[in-house]
Amino acid sequence: MLWNELTDESKALVFEVLEREAQRLEREAVHLEHAAKQLGRPSLVERTELRANAFRAAIEALGGAPLGES
């Protein structure tokens, strides 16, 4: 199904799921940052932040409000 064929209600559900996942990834990045510093593995944090950024970009590309503005 194409995005423009979805109802507004369906789009809202998609945005909600994307926002929750982006927020979860951001929280995970914060927790990983502490662990990564102890382990000397900053790449763990970078990968998680990139995934969170991808979800934020998807939300904006689909016409949703950026996180915190919904």
PDB file of N, CA and C in Angstrom:
ATOM      1  N   MET A   1       0.848  -1.174   0.000  1.00  0.00           N
ATOM      2  CA  MET A   1       0.000   0.000   0.000  1.00  0.00           C
ATOM      3  C   MET A   1       0.894   1.238   0.000  1.00  0.00           C
ATOM      4  N   LEU A   2       0.524   2.216  -0.817  1.00  0.00           N
ATOM      5  CA  LEU A   2       1.284   3.450  -0.897  1.00  0.00           C
ATOM      6  C   LEU A   2       0.900   4.393   0.231  1.00  0.00           C
ATOM      7  N   TRP A   3       1.871   5.215   0.617  1.00  0.00           N
ATOM      8  CA  TRP A   3       1.667   6.142   1.725  1.00  0.00           C
ATOM      9  C   TRP A   3       0.449   7.028   1.495  1.00  0.00           C
ATOM     10  N   ASN A   4       0.316   7.551   0.276  1.00  0.00           N
ATOM     11  CA  ASN A   4      -0.791   8.481   0.018  1.00  0.00           C
ATOM     12  C   ASN A   4      -2.149   7.785  -0.011  1.00  0.00           C
ATOM     13  N   GLU A   5      -2.163   6.460   0.021  1.00  0.00           N
ATOM     14  CA  GLU A   5      -3.420   5.715   0.067  1.00  0.00           C
ATOM     15  C   GLU A   5      -3.881   5.438   1.499  1.00  0.00           C
ATOM     16  N   LEU A   6      -3.022   5.687   2.464  1.00  0.00           N
ATOM     17  CA  LEU A   6      -3.383   5.451   3.865  1.00  0.00           C
ATOM     18  C   LEU A   6      -4.316   6.545   4.372  1.00  0.00           C
ATOM     19  N   THR A   7      -5.169   6.170   5.288  1.00  0.00           N
ATOM     20  CA  THR A   7      -6.033   7.159   5.932  1.00  0.00           C
ATOM     21  C   THR A   7      -5.198   7.981   6.908  1.00  0.00           C
ATOM     22  N   ASP A   8      -5.723   9.122   7.300  1.00  0.00           N
ATOM     23  CA  ASP A   8      -5.019   9.956   8.280  1.00  0.00           C
ATOM     24  C   ASP A   8      -4.814   9.199   9.586  1.00  0.00           C
ATOM     25  N   GLU A   9      -5.790   8.390   9.959  1.00  0.00           N
ATOM     26  CA  GLU A   9      -5.678   7.595  11.185  1.00  0.00           C
ATOM     27  C   GLU A   9      -4.526   6.593  11.080  1.00  0.00           C
ATOM     28  N   SER A  10      -4.400   5.952   9.925  1.00  0.00           N
ATOM     29  CA  SER A  10      -3.312   4.991   9.721  1.00  0.00           C
ATOM     30  C   SER A  10      -1.963   5.693   9.729  1.00  0.00           C
ATOM     31  N   LYS A  11      -1.898   6.862   9.091  1.00  0.00           N
ATOM     32  CA  LYS A  11      -0.649   7.629   9.076  1.00  0.00           C
ATOM     33  C   LYS A  11      -0.258   8.024  10.495  1.00  0.00           C
ATOM     34  N   ALA A  12      -1.240   8.423  11.299  1.00  0.00           N
ATOM     35  CA  ALA A  12      -0.963   8.810  12.685  1.00  0.00           C
ATOM     36  C   ALA A  12      -0.376   7.636  13.461  1.00  0.00           C
ATOM     37  N   LEU A  13      -0.883   6.435  13.222  1.00  0.00           N
ATOM     38  CA  LEU A  13      -0.337   5.249  13.889  1.00  0.00           C
ATOM     39  C   LEU A  13       1.100   4.992  13.466  1.00  0.00           C
ATOM     40  N   VAL A  14       1.391   5.164  12.176  1.00  0.00           N
ATOM     41  CA  VAL A  14       2.761   4.972  11.679  1.00  0.00           C
ATOM     42  C   VAL A  14       3.692   5.980  12.341  1.00  0.00           C
ATOM     43  N   PHE A  15       3.268   7.258  12.377  1.00  0.00           N
ATOM     44  CA  PHE A  15       4.090   8.282  13.023  1.00  0.00           C
ATOM     45  C   PHE A  15       4.336   7.951  14.488  1.00  0.00           C
ATOM     46  N   GLU A  16       3.308   7.477  15.167  1.00  0.00           N
ATOM     47  CA  GLU A  16       3.440   7.134  16.582  1.00  0.00           C
ATOM     48  C   GLU A  16       4.480   6.037  16.783  1.00  0.00           C
ATOM     49  N   VAL A  17       4.434   5.008  15.953  1.00  0.00           N
ATOM     50  CA  VAL A  17       5.398   3.906  16.062  1.00  0.00           C
ATOM     51  C   VAL A  17       6.808   4.404  15.761  1.00  0.00           C
ATOM     52  N   LEU A  18       6.958   5.199  14.706  1.00  0.00           N
ATOM     53  CA  LEU A  18       8.277   5.729  14.360  1.00  0.00           C
ATOM     54  C   LEU A  18       8.819   6.618  15.472  1.00  0.00           C
ATOM     55  N   GLU A  19       7.971   7.458  16.046  1.00  0.00           N
ATOM     56  CA  GLU A  19       8.410   8.343  17.124  1.00  0.00           C
ATOM     57  C   GLU A  19       8.830   7.554  18.358  1.00  0.00           C
ATOM     58  N   ARG A  20       8.041   6.544  18.716  1.00  0.00           N
ATOM     59  CA  ARG A  20       8.401   5.721  19.882  1.00  0.00           C
ATOM     60  C   ARG A  20       9.738   5.024  19.665  1.00  0.00           C
ATOM     61  N   GLU A  21       9.959   4.498  18.466  1.00  0.00           N
ATOM     62  CA  GLU A  21      11.215   3.800  18.198  1.00  0.00           C
ATOM     63  C   GLU A  21      12.388   4.773  18.214  1.00  0.00           C
ATOM     64  N   ALA A  22      12.216   5.953  17.643  1.00  0.00           N
ATOM     65  CA  ALA A  22      13.283   6.957  17.670  1.00  0.00           C
ATOM     66  C   ALA A  22      13.603   7.353  19.107  1.00  0.00           C
ATOM     67  N   GLN A  23      12.588   7.537  19.929  1.00  0.00           N
ATOM     68  CA  GLN A  23      12.812   7.891  21.329  1.00  0.00           C
ATOM     69  C   GLN A  23      13.503   6.756  22.077  1.00  0.00           C
ATOM     70  N   ARG A  24      13.106   5.522  21.783  1.00  0.00           N
ATOM     71  CA  ARG A  24      13.742   4.366  22.425  1.00  0.00           C
ATOM     72  C   ARG A  24      15.216   4.309  22.044  1.00  0.00           C
ATOM     73  N   LEU A  25      15.506   4.540  20.770  1.00  0.00           N
ATOM     74  CA  LEU A  25      16.895   4.513  20.313  1.00  0.00           C
ATOM     75  C   LEU A  25      17.703   5.643  20.941  1.00  0.00           C
ATOM     76  N   GLU A  26      17.096   6.801  21.110  1.00  0.00           N
ATOM     77  CA  GLU A  26      17.803   7.907  21.753  1.00  0.00           C
ATOM     78  C   GLU A  26      18.118   7.586  23.211  1.00  0.00           C
ATOM     79  N   ARG A  27      17.156   6.968  23.913  1.00  0.00           N
ATOM     80  CA  ARG A  27      17.418   6.564  25.309  1.00  0.00           C
ATOM     81  C   ARG A  27      18.526   5.518  25.347  1.00  0.00           C
ATOM     82  N   GLU A  28      18.479   4.580  24.412  1.00  0.00           N
ATOM     83  CA  GLU A  28      19.506   3.538  24.346  1.00  0.00           C
ATOM     84  C   GLU A  28      20.879   4.156  24.101  1.00  0.00           C
ATOM     85  N   ALA A  29      20.931   5.169  23.251  1.00  0.00           N
ATOM     86  CA  ALA A  29      22.203   5.832  22.965  1.00  0.00           C
ATOM     87  C   ALA A  29      22.778   6.480  24.216  1.00  0.00           C
ATOM     88  N   VAL A  30      21.916   7.075  25.033  1.00  0.00           N
ATOM     89  CA  VAL A  30      22.376   7.700  26.279  1.00  0.00           C
ATOM     90  C   VAL A  30      22.973   6.643  27.204  1.00  0.00           C
ATOM     91  N   HIS A  31      22.278   5.510  27.335  1.00  0.00           N
ATOM     92  CA  HIS A  31      22.785   4.438  28.195  1.00  0.00           C
ATOM     93  C   HIS A  31      24.065   3.830  27.623  1.00  0.00           C
ATOM     94  N   LEU A  32      24.103   3.683  26.309  1.00  0.00           N
ATOM     95  CA  LEU A  32      25.295   3.119  25.678  1.00  0.00           C
ATOM     96  C   LEU A  32      26.492   4.048  25.790  1.00  0.00           C
ATOM     97  N   GLU A  33      26.226   5.353  25.799  1.00  0.00           N
ATOM     98  CA  GLU A  33      27.329   6.308  25.890  1.00  0.00           C
ATOM     99  C   GLU A  33      28.158   6.058  27.143  1.00  0.00           C
ATOM    100  N   HIS A  34      27.490   5.843  28.260  1.00  0.00           N
ATOM    101  CA  HIS A  34      28.195   5.580  29.514  1.00  0.00           C
ATOM    102  C   HIS A  34      28.992   4.276  29.414  1.00  0.00           C
ATOM    103  N   ALA A  35      28.341   3.233  28.924  1.00  0.00           N
ATOM    104  CA  ALA A  35      29.014   1.939  28.793  1.00  0.00           C
ATOM    105  C   ALA A  35      30.146   2.013  27.776  1.00  0.00           C
ATOM    106  N   ALA A  36      29.925   2.736  26.687  1.00  0.00           N
ATOM    107  CA  ALA A  36      30.939   2.832  25.641  1.00  0.00           C
ATOM    108  C   ALA A  36      32.191   3.537  26.153  1.00  0.00           C
ATOM    109  N   LYS A  37      31.999   4.550  26.994  1.00  0.00           N
ATOM    110  CA  LYS A  37      33.154   5.247  27.559  1.00  0.00           C
ATOM    111  C   LYS A  37      33.977   4.301  28.426  1.00  0.00           C
ATOM    112  N   GLN A  38      33.282   3.470  29.199  1.00  0.00           N
ATOM    113  CA  GLN A  38      33.987   2.519  30.054  1.00  0.00           C
ATOM    114  C   GLN A  38      34.711   1.463  29.229  1.00  0.00           C
ATOM    115  N   LEU A  39      34.094   1.069  28.109  1.00  0.00           N
ATOM    116  CA  LEU A  39      34.679   0.022  27.267  1.00  0.00           C
ATOM    117  C   LEU A  39      35.595   0.569  26.182  1.00  0.00           C
ATOM    118  N   GLY A  40      35.565   1.884  25.986  1.00  0.00           N
ATOM    119  CA  GLY A  40      36.362   2.463  24.913  1.00  0.00           C
ATOM    120  C   GLY A  40      35.800   2.115  23.538  1.00  0.00           C
ATOM    121  N   ARG A  41      34.462   2.041  23.417  1.00  0.00           N
ATOM    122  CA  ARG A  41      33.807   1.661  22.157  1.00  0.00           C
ATOM    123  C   ARG A  41      32.783   2.722  21.732  1.00  0.00           C
ATOM    124  N   PRO A  42      33.227   3.915  21.354  1.00  0.00           N
ATOM    125  CA  PRO A  42      32.267   4.952  20.971  1.00  0.00           C
ATOM    126  C   PRO A  42      31.441   4.594  19.740  1.00  0.00           C
ATOM    127  N   SER A  43      31.893   3.636  18.942  1.00  0.00           N
ATOM    128  CA  SER A  43      31.139   3.264  17.745  1.00  0.00           C
ATOM    129  C   SER A  43      29.762   2.707  18.094  1.00  0.00           C
ATOM    130  N   LEU A  44      29.612   2.117  19.293  1.00  0.00           N
ATOM    131  CA  LEU A  44      28.303   1.616  19.720  1.00  0.00           C
ATOM    132  C   LEU A  44      27.286   2.748  19.778  1.00  0.00           C
ATOM    133  N   VAL A  45      27.698   3.865  20.325  1.00  0.00           N
ATOM    134  CA  VAL A  45      26.814   5.017  20.463  1.00  0.00           C
ATOM    135  C   VAL A  45      26.516   5.607  19.091  1.00  0.00           C
ATOM    136  N   GLU A  46      27.544   5.734  18.260  1.00  0.00           N
ATOM    137  CA  GLU A  46      27.358   6.327  16.940  1.00  0.00           C
ATOM    138  C   GLU A  46      26.350   5.545  16.114  1.00  0.00           C
ATOM    139  N   ARG A  47      26.431   4.231  16.143  1.00  0.00           N
ATOM    140  CA  ARG A  47      25.493   3.410  15.368  1.00  0.00           C
ATOM    141  C   ARG A  47      24.063   3.587  15.864  1.00  0.00           C
ATOM    142  N   THR A  48      23.880   3.641  17.170  1.00  0.00           N
ATOM    143  CA  THR A  48      22.534   3.811  17.725  1.00  0.00           C
ATOM    144  C   THR A  48      21.990   5.194  17.396  1.00  0.00           C
ATOM    145  N   GLU A  49      22.834   6.209  17.469  1.00  0.00           N
ATOM    146  CA  GLU A  49      22.394   7.558  17.118  1.00  0.00           C
ATOM    147  C   GLU A  49      22.024   7.642  15.642  1.00  0.00           C
ATOM    148  N   LEU A  50      22.775   6.951  14.787  1.00  0.00           N
ATOM    149  CA  LEU A  50      22.448   6.939  13.361  1.00  0.00           C
ATOM    150  C   LEU A  50      21.087   6.295  13.119  1.00  0.00           C
ATOM    151  N   ARG A  51      20.789   5.226  13.849  1.00  0.00           N
ATOM    152  CA  ARG A  51      19.487   4.572  13.701  1.00  0.00           C
ATOM    153  C   ARG A  51      18.375   5.509  14.164  1.00  0.00           C
ATOM    154  N   ALA A  52      18.581   6.197  15.274  1.00  0.00           N
ATOM    155  CA  ALA A  52      17.575   7.148  15.762  1.00  0.00           C
ATOM    156  C   ALA A  52      17.375   8.274  14.747  1.00  0.00           C
ATOM    157  N   ASN A  53      18.469   8.763  14.172  1.00  0.00           N
ATOM    158  CA  ASN A  53      18.374   9.814  13.159  1.00  0.00           C
ATOM    159  C   ASN A  53      17.599   9.335  11.942  1.00  0.00           C
ATOM    160  N   ALA A  54      17.774   8.071  11.574  1.00  0.00           N
ATOM    161  CA  ALA A  54      17.050   7.519  10.428  1.00  0.00           C
ATOM    162  C   ALA A  54      15.548   7.519  10.692  1.00  0.00           C
ATOM    163  N   PHE A  55      15.147   7.193  11.912  1.00  0.00           N
ATOM    164  CA  PHE A  55      13.724   7.215  12.244  1.00  0.00           C
ATOM    165  C   PHE A  55      13.191   8.640  12.227  1.00  0.00           C
ATOM    166  N   ARG A  56      13.954   9.596  12.753  1.00  0.00           N
ATOM    167  CA  ARG A  56      13.514  10.992  12.718  1.00  0.00           C
ATOM    168  C   ARG A  56      13.376  11.472  11.274  1.00  0.00           C
ATOM    169  N   ALA A  57      14.333  11.103  10.422  1.00  0.00           N
ATOM    170  CA  ALA A  57      14.276  11.496   9.010  1.00  0.00           C
ATOM    171  C   ALA A  57      13.064  10.883   8.319  1.00  0.00           C
ATOM    172  N   ALA A  58      12.746   9.642   8.655  1.00  0.00           N
ATOM    173  CA  ALA A  58      11.573   8.990   8.063  1.00  0.00           C
ATOM    174  C   ALA A  58      10.295   9.713   8.472  1.00  0.00           C
ATOM    175  N   ILE A  59      10.208  10.097   9.725  1.00  0.00           N
ATOM    176  CA  ILE A  59       9.028  10.821  10.211  1.00  0.00           C
ATOM    177  C   ILE A  59       8.857  12.126   9.435  1.00  0.00           C
ATOM    178  N   GLU A  60       9.940  12.869   9.289  1.00  0.00           N
ATOM    179  CA  GLU A  60       9.865  14.145   8.582  1.00  0.00           C
ATOM    180  C   GLU A  60       9.586  13.938   7.100  1.00  0.00           C
ATOM    181  N   ALA A  61      10.197  12.913   6.483  1.00  0.00           N
ATOM    182  CA  ALA A  61       9.987  12.648   5.059  1.00  0.00           C
ATOM    183  C   ALA A  61       8.538  12.281   4.765  1.00  0.00           C
ATOM    184  N   LEU A  62       7.893  11.639   5.712  1.00  0.00           N
ATOM    185  CA  LEU A  62       6.496  11.243   5.530  1.00  0.00           C
ATOM    186  C   LEU A  62       5.524  12.359   5.902  1.00  0.00           C
ATOM    187  N   GLY A  63       6.076  13.494   6.302  1.00  0.00           N
ATOM    188  CA  GLY A  63       5.228  14.643   6.593  1.00  0.00           C
ATOM    189  C   GLY A  63       4.831  14.787   8.044  1.00  0.00           C
ATOM    190  N   GLY A  64       5.462  14.033   8.917  1.00  0.00           N
ATOM    191  CA  GLY A  64       5.149  14.125  10.339  1.00  0.00           C
ATOM    192  C   GLY A  64       5.935  15.232  10.997  1.00  0.00           C
ATOM    193  N   ALA A  65       5.470  15.622  12.154  1.00  0.00           N
ATOM    194  CA  ALA A  65       6.165  16.647  12.926  1.00  0.00           C
ATOM    195  C   ALA A  65       7.417  16.039  13.532  1.00  0.00           C
ATOM    196  N   PRO A  66       8.513  16.793  13.583  1.00  0.00           N
ATOM    197  CA  PRO A  66       9.709  16.301  14.272  1.00  0.00           C
ATOM    198  C   PRO A  66       9.378  15.971  15.722  1.00  0.00           C
ATOM    199  N   LEU A  67      10.162  15.111  16.327  1.00  0.00           N
ATOM    200  CA  LEU A  67       9.924  14.699  17.712  1.00  0.00           C
ATOM    201  C   LEU A  67       9.816  15.914  18.614  1.00  0.00           C
ATOM    202  N   GLY A  68       8.891  15.820  19.532  1.00  0.00           N
ATOM    203  CA  GLY A  68       8.700  16.902  20.478  1.00  0.00           C
ATOM    204  C   GLY A  68       7.760  17.990  19.977  1.00  0.00           C
ATOM    205  N   GLU A  69       7.367  17.928  18.705  1.00  0.00           N
ATOM    206  CA  GLU A  69       6.474  18.939  18.152  1.00  0.00           C
ATOM    207  C   GLU A  69       5.113  18.366  17.814  1.00  0.00           C
ATOM    208  N   SER A  70       4.874  17.084  18.152  1.00  0.00           N
ATOM    209  CA  SER A  70       3.584  16.477  17.790  1.00  0.00           C
ATOM    210  C   SER A  70       2.522  16.774  18.812  1.00  0.00           C
TER     211      SER A  70
END
